[in-house]
N, C-alpha and C. Protein backbone atom coordinates (compact mmCIF):
# COMPACT_ATOMS: atom_id res chain seq x y z
N UNK A 1 100.39 107.74 81.16
CA UNK A 1 99.60 107.35 82.12
C UNK A 1 98.63 107.92 83.27
N UNK A 2 97.31 106.84 82.98
CA UNK A 2 96.06 106.91 83.51
C UNK A 2 95.48 107.35 84.35
N UNK A 3 95.07 108.49 85.10
CA UNK A 3 94.85 109.87 86.03
C UNK A 3 94.28 108.60 87.25
N UNK A 4 93.88 108.52 88.43
CA UNK A 4 92.91 108.04 88.87
C UNK A 4 92.01 109.25 90.03
N UNK A 5 91.16 108.66 89.67
CA UNK A 5 89.51 109.48 90.79
C UNK A 5 90.14 109.79 91.91
N UNK A 6 90.98 108.33 93.03
CA UNK A 6 90.92 108.83 94.42
C UNK A 6 91.87 107.89 94.32
N UNK A 7 92.34 109.04 95.68
CA UNK A 7 93.89 107.82 95.62
C UNK A 7 93.85 106.83 96.22
N UNK A 8 94.55 106.05 96.09
CA UNK A 8 95.12 104.38 96.29
C UNK A 8 95.41 104.73 97.97
N UNK A 9 94.44 103.40 98.51
CA UNK A 9 95.15 103.92 99.64
C UNK A 9 96.79 103.72 100.05
N UNK A 10 97.11 102.46 99.41
CA UNK A 10 98.22 102.43 99.49
C UNK A 10 99.21 103.39 98.90
N UNK A 11 98.17 104.33 98.26
CA UNK A 11 99.63 105.57 97.76
C UNK A 11 99.77 106.71 98.93
N UNK A 12 98.20 105.94 99.73
CA UNK A 12 99.35 107.09 100.97
C UNK A 12 100.17 107.11 102.21
N UNK A 13 99.84 105.00 101.91
CA UNK A 13 101.42 104.96 102.62
C UNK A 13 102.92 104.99 101.69
N UNK A 14 103.05 104.99 100.95
CA UNK A 14 103.59 105.65 99.72
C UNK A 14 104.21 106.73 100.12
N UNK A 15 103.72 108.77 99.99
CA UNK A 15 103.64 108.28 100.49
C UNK A 15 103.79 109.18 102.11
N UNK A 16 103.66 108.36 102.84
CA UNK A 16 104.35 108.55 104.42
C UNK A 16 106.08 108.17 103.76
N UNK A 17 106.26 106.85 103.03
CA UNK A 17 107.89 106.23 103.00
C UNK A 17 108.49 107.52 102.57
N UNK A 18 108.38 107.84 101.68
CA UNK A 18 109.32 109.15 100.47
C UNK A 18 110.07 108.97 101.24
N UNK A 19 110.38 109.00 102.17
CA UNK A 19 112.12 110.27 102.89
C UNK A 19 112.60 108.95 102.55
N UNK A 20 112.84 107.49 102.13
CA UNK A 20 113.30 107.19 101.81
C UNK A 20 114.17 106.48 103.08
N UNK A 21 114.37 106.81 103.82
CA UNK A 21 114.46 106.24 106.15
C UNK A 21 113.90 105.45 106.03
N UNK A 22 114.83 104.42 107.18
CA UNK A 22 113.77 102.87 107.95
C UNK A 22 112.05 103.55 108.10
N UNK A 23 110.90 103.00 108.71
CA UNK A 23 109.94 102.99 109.41
C UNK A 23 109.78 102.56 110.09
N UNK A 24 109.42 102.35 111.22
CA UNK A 24 108.88 101.18 112.04
C UNK A 24 107.19 101.02 111.27
N UNK A 25 106.37 100.22 111.58
CA UNK A 25 105.56 99.62 111.17
C UNK A 25 104.41 99.86 112.99
N UNK A 26 104.86 101.03 113.32
CA UNK A 26 104.06 101.14 114.99
C UNK A 26 104.53 103.07 114.53
N UNK A 27 104.82 103.76 113.53
CA UNK A 27 105.45 104.94 113.12
C UNK A 27 104.02 105.01 112.16
N UNK A 28 104.07 104.25 111.29
CA UNK A 28 102.72 104.41 109.68
C UNK A 28 101.58 104.05 110.57
N UNK A 29 101.01 103.63 111.20
CA UNK A 29 99.88 103.67 112.32
C UNK A 29 99.49 104.73 113.25
N UNK A 30 100.81 105.08 113.74
CA UNK A 30 101.09 106.43 114.86
C UNK A 30 100.70 107.94 113.26
N UNK A 31 101.47 107.29 112.19
CA UNK A 31 100.61 108.48 111.32
C UNK A 31 99.72 108.71 110.83
N UNK A 32 98.77 107.97 110.48
CA UNK A 32 97.43 107.52 109.85
C UNK A 32 96.33 107.22 111.31
N UNK A 33 96.56 108.12 112.46
CA UNK A 33 95.63 107.83 113.20
C UNK A 33 94.97 109.32 113.30
N UNK A 34 93.42 108.87 113.59
CA UNK A 34 92.83 109.91 113.97
C UNK A 34 92.22 110.39 112.05
N UNK A 35 92.95 109.35 110.51
CA UNK A 35 92.60 109.56 109.93
C UNK A 35 90.73 108.04 109.44
N UNK A 36 90.81 108.38 107.64
CA UNK A 36 89.78 107.18 107.39
C UNK A 36 90.80 106.37 106.99
N UNK A 37 91.67 106.91 107.29
CA UNK A 37 93.02 105.39 107.04
C UNK A 37 93.22 104.22 107.95
N UNK A 38 92.77 105.13 109.59
CA UNK A 38 93.08 104.13 110.82
C UNK A 38 92.82 103.37 111.12
N UNK A 39 91.60 102.78 110.34
CA UNK A 39 90.85 101.68 110.92
C UNK A 39 90.82 100.84 110.07
N UNK A 40 92.05 100.72 108.67
CA UNK A 40 92.24 100.38 107.98
C UNK A 40 93.54 99.45 107.94
N UNK A 41 94.98 99.86 109.01
CA UNK A 41 95.79 99.49 108.80
C UNK A 41 96.45 98.31 109.26
N UNK A 42 95.20 97.69 109.44
CA UNK A 42 95.51 95.92 110.15
C UNK A 42 95.54 95.44 108.51
N UNK A 43 95.82 95.91 107.95
CA UNK A 43 95.43 95.61 105.75
C UNK A 43 97.04 96.32 105.46
N UNK A 44 97.31 96.58 106.09
CA UNK A 44 99.11 97.48 105.82
C UNK A 44 100.25 96.34 105.03
N UNK A 45 100.22 95.15 105.48
CA UNK A 45 101.32 94.04 104.65
C UNK A 45 100.45 93.84 102.95
N UNK A 46 98.77 94.21 103.34
CA UNK A 46 97.92 94.09 101.78
C UNK A 46 98.68 95.25 101.17
N UNK A 47 99.24 96.50 101.41
CA UNK A 47 98.66 97.35 101.12
C UNK A 47 100.67 97.87 100.40
N UNK A 48 101.81 96.68 101.55
CA UNK A 48 102.58 96.51 101.49
C UNK A 48 102.93 96.10 99.68
N UNK A 49 102.52 94.66 99.57
CA UNK A 49 102.08 94.53 98.35
C UNK A 49 101.58 95.03 97.27
N UNK A 50 100.33 96.17 97.35
CA UNK A 50 100.37 96.26 96.43
C UNK A 50 100.95 97.07 96.08
N UNK A 51 102.32 98.03 96.63
CA UNK A 51 103.45 98.73 96.42
C UNK A 51 104.43 98.17 95.44
N UNK A 52 105.11 96.70 95.82
CA UNK A 52 104.98 95.60 95.62
C UNK A 52 105.18 94.97 93.84
N UNK A 53 103.63 95.42 93.34
CA UNK A 53 103.70 94.91 92.60
C UNK A 53 103.26 95.66 91.67
N UNK A 54 103.47 97.23 92.10
CA UNK A 54 103.39 98.56 90.95
C UNK A 54 104.32 98.57 90.63
N UNK A 55 105.91 98.04 91.31
CA UNK A 55 107.18 97.91 90.71
C UNK A 55 107.73 98.18 91.70
N UNK A 56 107.30 98.78 93.27
CA UNK A 56 107.91 99.39 94.37
C UNK A 56 109.53 98.45 95.04
N UNK A 57 110.26 98.86 95.60
CA UNK A 57 111.37 98.00 95.75
C UNK A 57 111.15 98.33 97.90
N UNK A 58 111.06 97.57 98.37
CA UNK A 58 110.44 97.39 99.98
C UNK A 58 111.54 96.86 100.35
N UNK A 59 112.29 96.87 101.44
CA UNK A 59 112.91 97.00 101.67
C UNK A 59 112.59 96.29 103.76
N UNK A 60 112.50 95.29 103.99
CA UNK A 60 112.49 94.65 105.31
C UNK A 60 113.20 94.71 106.25
N UNK A 61 113.39 94.87 107.49
CA UNK A 61 114.37 94.68 108.55
C UNK A 61 113.39 94.19 109.97
N UNK A 62 113.78 93.00 109.93
CA UNK A 62 113.64 92.04 110.79
C UNK A 62 114.39 91.36 111.95
N UNK A 63 113.68 91.39 113.38
CA UNK A 63 114.27 90.94 114.26
C UNK A 63 113.94 89.50 114.68
N UNK A 64 114.56 88.37 114.18
CA UNK A 64 113.35 86.23 114.73
C UNK A 64 111.99 86.79 112.94
N UNK A 65 111.50 86.91 114.38
CA UNK A 65 109.79 87.09 113.21
C UNK A 65 109.06 88.20 113.25
N UNK A 66 109.89 89.52 114.05
CA UNK A 66 109.01 90.33 113.97
C UNK A 66 109.66 91.45 113.57
N UNK A 67 108.48 92.39 112.18
CA UNK A 67 109.27 93.59 111.42
C UNK A 67 110.16 94.90 112.44
N UNK A 68 110.67 95.01 112.26
CA UNK A 68 111.84 96.27 113.16
C UNK A 68 110.97 97.72 111.42
N UNK A 69 111.52 97.45 111.13
CA UNK A 69 111.54 99.10 109.98
C UNK A 69 111.17 98.03 108.27
N UNK A 70 111.16 99.31 107.86
CA UNK A 70 109.87 99.06 106.21
C UNK A 70 110.85 100.34 106.01
N UNK A 71 111.65 100.23 104.48
CA UNK A 71 111.70 101.06 104.10
C UNK A 71 111.66 101.04 101.78
N UNK A 72 111.06 101.85 101.87
CA UNK A 72 111.49 102.16 100.02
C UNK A 72 112.22 102.46 99.77
N UNK A 73 113.22 102.26 98.15
CA UNK A 73 114.20 102.31 98.02
C UNK A 73 113.80 102.52 96.54
N UNK A 74 112.82 102.86 95.99
CA UNK A 74 113.12 103.60 94.67
C UNK A 74 111.68 104.45 94.84
N UNK A 75 112.82 105.79 95.55
CA UNK A 75 111.72 106.54 95.57
C UNK A 75 111.61 107.25 94.80
N UNK A 76 112.86 107.25 93.88
CA UNK A 76 112.62 107.78 92.32
C UNK A 76 111.28 107.21 91.69
N UNK A 77 110.45 106.43 91.70
CA UNK A 77 110.08 105.80 90.72
C UNK A 77 108.64 105.98 90.84
N UNK A 78 108.33 106.91 92.48
CA UNK A 78 106.73 107.52 92.85
C UNK A 78 107.55 108.71 92.42
N UNK A 79 106.56 109.44 92.05
CA UNK A 79 105.69 110.63 92.55
C UNK A 79 105.13 111.90 93.27
N UNK A 80 105.17 113.25 93.81
CA UNK A 80 104.83 112.72 95.38
C UNK A 80 103.66 112.77 95.40
N UNK A 81 102.58 112.26 95.62
CA UNK A 81 101.58 111.90 95.64
C UNK A 81 101.38 110.26 95.84
N UNK A 82 102.66 109.50 95.65
CA UNK A 82 102.17 108.47 96.17
C UNK A 82 102.22 107.34 94.84
N UNK A 83 101.89 108.11 93.27
CA UNK A 83 101.29 107.33 92.15
C UNK A 83 103.23 106.58 91.26
N UNK A 84 103.50 105.62 90.78
CA UNK A 84 103.66 104.63 90.60
C UNK A 84 104.09 105.45 88.81
N UNK A 85 105.61 106.40 88.75
CA UNK A 85 106.22 106.67 87.20
C UNK A 85 107.18 105.98 86.89
N UNK A 86 106.18 105.45 84.89
CA UNK A 86 106.47 104.10 84.61
C UNK A 86 108.27 104.58 84.95
N UNK A 87 109.06 103.58 84.16
CA UNK A 87 110.83 103.81 84.77
C UNK A 87 110.66 104.32 83.44
N UNK A 88 112.19 104.78 83.60
CA UNK A 88 112.47 105.24 81.61
C UNK A 88 113.10 104.56 81.13
N UNK A 89 113.53 104.39 79.93
CA UNK A 89 113.71 102.93 79.31
C UNK A 89 115.40 103.35 79.15
N UNK A 90 115.66 104.43 79.30
CA UNK A 90 117.96 104.13 80.00
C UNK A 90 118.10 103.18 81.03
N UNK A 91 117.53 103.47 82.01
CA UNK A 91 117.80 102.59 82.71
C UNK A 91 117.61 100.76 82.75
């Protein structure tokens, strides 16, 4: 696996979701308040899409049309820095 020179923005979101617990969108935005990622939180759905494209499974719980929580299901497929680890051949 190649190394990234710079952490991608969606990887920072993965790092925050690594607990495997459901997280409200407001919690994610609050976590990145006063950081360089704060001004791009309007792109949260795009970051979640990037996570999915890289193999992440995200459970979305809704109340009508409003999203209540996001939950990263396959946390074992990411390293502690939020980068995708290739799945093993035994899976």
